[in-house]
């Protein structure tokens, strides 16, 4: 499905930013989640 020309162009900056954003949101969500568990 992918041509060699498309495979060469990989926006690593945007890809790394997306992964970092997902990891940060997961860490933020789990932080709030465990805080709520400790309060009950």
N, C-alpha and C. Protein backbone atom coordinates (compact mmCIF):
# COMPACT_ATOMS: atom_id res chain seq x y z
N UNK A 1 0.83 -1.21 0.00
CA UNK A 1 0.00 0.00 0.00
C UNK A 1 0.87 1.26 0.00
N UNK A 2 2.01 1.20 0.68
CA UNK A 2 2.85 2.39 0.77
C UNK A 2 3.93 2.37 -0.31
N UNK A 3 4.08 3.48 -1.00
CA UNK A 3 5.16 3.59 -1.97
C UNK A 3 6.44 3.99 -1.25
N UNK A 4 7.61 3.67 -1.82
CA UNK A 4 8.89 4.01 -1.17
C UNK A 4 9.03 5.50 -0.90
N UNK A 5 8.45 6.33 -1.75
CA UNK A 5 8.56 7.77 -1.56
C UNK A 5 7.80 8.20 -0.30
N UNK A 6 6.65 7.59 -0.06
CA UNK A 6 5.87 7.95 1.12
C UNK A 6 6.56 7.45 2.40
N UNK A 7 7.26 6.32 2.28
CA UNK A 7 7.90 5.75 3.45
C UNK A 7 9.08 6.60 3.90
N UNK A 8 9.71 7.30 2.96
CA UNK A 8 10.85 8.14 3.32
C UNK A 8 10.40 9.34 4.15
N UNK A 9 9.23 9.88 3.82
CA UNK A 9 8.77 11.08 4.51
C UNK A 9 8.00 10.70 5.77
N UNK A 10 8.69 10.76 6.91
CA UNK A 10 8.04 10.50 8.19
C UNK A 10 8.28 11.70 9.11
N UNK A 11 7.23 12.44 9.41
CA UNK A 11 7.41 13.60 10.30
C UNK A 11 7.70 13.15 11.73
N UNK A 12 8.97 12.92 12.02
CA UNK A 12 9.35 12.39 13.33
C UNK A 12 9.02 13.37 14.45
N UNK A 13 9.11 14.66 14.15
CA UNK A 13 8.80 15.66 15.18
C UNK A 13 7.34 15.58 15.60
N UNK A 14 6.44 15.51 14.60
CA UNK A 14 5.02 15.44 14.90
C UNK A 14 4.68 14.10 15.55
N UNK A 15 5.35 13.04 15.10
CA UNK A 15 5.11 11.71 15.65
C UNK A 15 5.53 11.65 17.11
N UNK A 16 6.71 12.19 17.41
CA UNK A 16 7.20 12.21 18.79
C UNK A 16 6.32 13.09 19.66
N UNK A 17 5.84 14.21 19.09
CA UNK A 17 4.96 15.11 19.84
C UNK A 17 3.65 14.41 20.18
N UNK A 18 3.12 13.64 19.23
CA UNK A 18 1.87 12.92 19.46
C UNK A 18 2.03 11.88 20.57
N UNK A 19 3.14 11.14 20.54
CA UNK A 19 3.40 10.13 21.56
C UNK A 19 3.58 10.78 22.93
N UNK A 20 4.31 11.90 22.96
CA UNK A 20 4.53 12.61 24.22
C UNK A 20 3.21 13.13 24.77
N UNK A 21 2.34 13.60 23.88
CA UNK A 21 1.04 14.13 24.30
C UNK A 21 0.19 13.01 24.91
N UNK A 22 0.21 11.84 24.27
CA UNK A 22 -0.56 10.70 24.79
C UNK A 22 -0.02 10.26 26.15
N UNK A 23 1.32 10.20 26.27
CA UNK A 23 1.91 9.77 27.54
C UNK A 23 1.61 10.77 28.65
N UNK A 24 1.67 12.06 28.32
CA UNK A 24 1.38 13.09 29.32
C UNK A 24 -0.07 13.02 29.77
N UNK A 25 -0.98 12.82 28.81
CA UNK A 25 -2.40 12.76 29.16
C UNK A 25 -2.69 11.51 30.00
N UNK A 26 -2.03 10.40 29.67
CA UNK A 26 -2.22 9.19 30.46
C UNK A 26 -1.69 9.38 31.88
N UNK A 27 -0.52 9.98 32.01
CA UNK A 27 0.06 10.23 33.33
C UNK A 27 -0.83 11.16 34.14
N UNK A 28 -1.37 12.19 33.48
CA UNK A 28 -2.27 13.14 34.14
C UNK A 28 -3.54 12.44 34.61
N UNK A 29 -4.10 11.58 33.74
CA UNK A 29 -5.34 10.89 34.07
C UNK A 29 -5.13 9.92 35.23
N UNK A 30 -4.02 9.16 35.19
CA UNK A 30 -3.75 8.21 36.27
C UNK A 30 -3.45 8.92 37.58
N UNK A 31 -2.82 10.11 37.48
CA UNK A 31 -2.55 10.88 38.69
C UNK A 31 -3.84 11.26 39.39
N UNK A 32 -4.79 11.78 38.64
CA UNK A 32 -6.09 12.15 39.20
C UNK A 32 -6.84 10.90 39.68
N UNK A 33 -6.73 9.81 38.91
CA UNK A 33 -7.42 8.56 39.24
C UNK A 33 -6.97 8.02 40.60
N UNK A 34 -5.64 7.99 40.81
CA UNK A 34 -5.13 7.47 42.08
C UNK A 34 -5.40 8.43 43.24
N UNK A 35 -5.44 9.73 42.95
CA UNK A 35 -5.80 10.69 44.00
C UNK A 35 -7.23 10.45 44.46
N UNK A 36 -8.12 10.18 43.52
CA UNK A 36 -9.52 9.93 43.86
C UNK A 36 -9.66 8.63 44.66
N UNK A 37 -8.84 7.63 44.32
CA UNK A 37 -8.91 6.36 45.04
C UNK A 37 -8.44 6.55 46.49
N UNK A 38 -7.39 7.34 46.67
CA UNK A 38 -6.86 7.54 48.02
C UNK A 38 -7.83 8.31 48.90
N UNK A 39 -8.64 9.18 48.31
CA UNK A 39 -9.55 10.01 49.10
C UNK A 39 -10.75 9.22 49.62
N UNK A 40 -11.15 8.19 48.90
CA UNK A 40 -12.34 7.44 49.33
C UNK A 40 -12.01 6.53 50.51
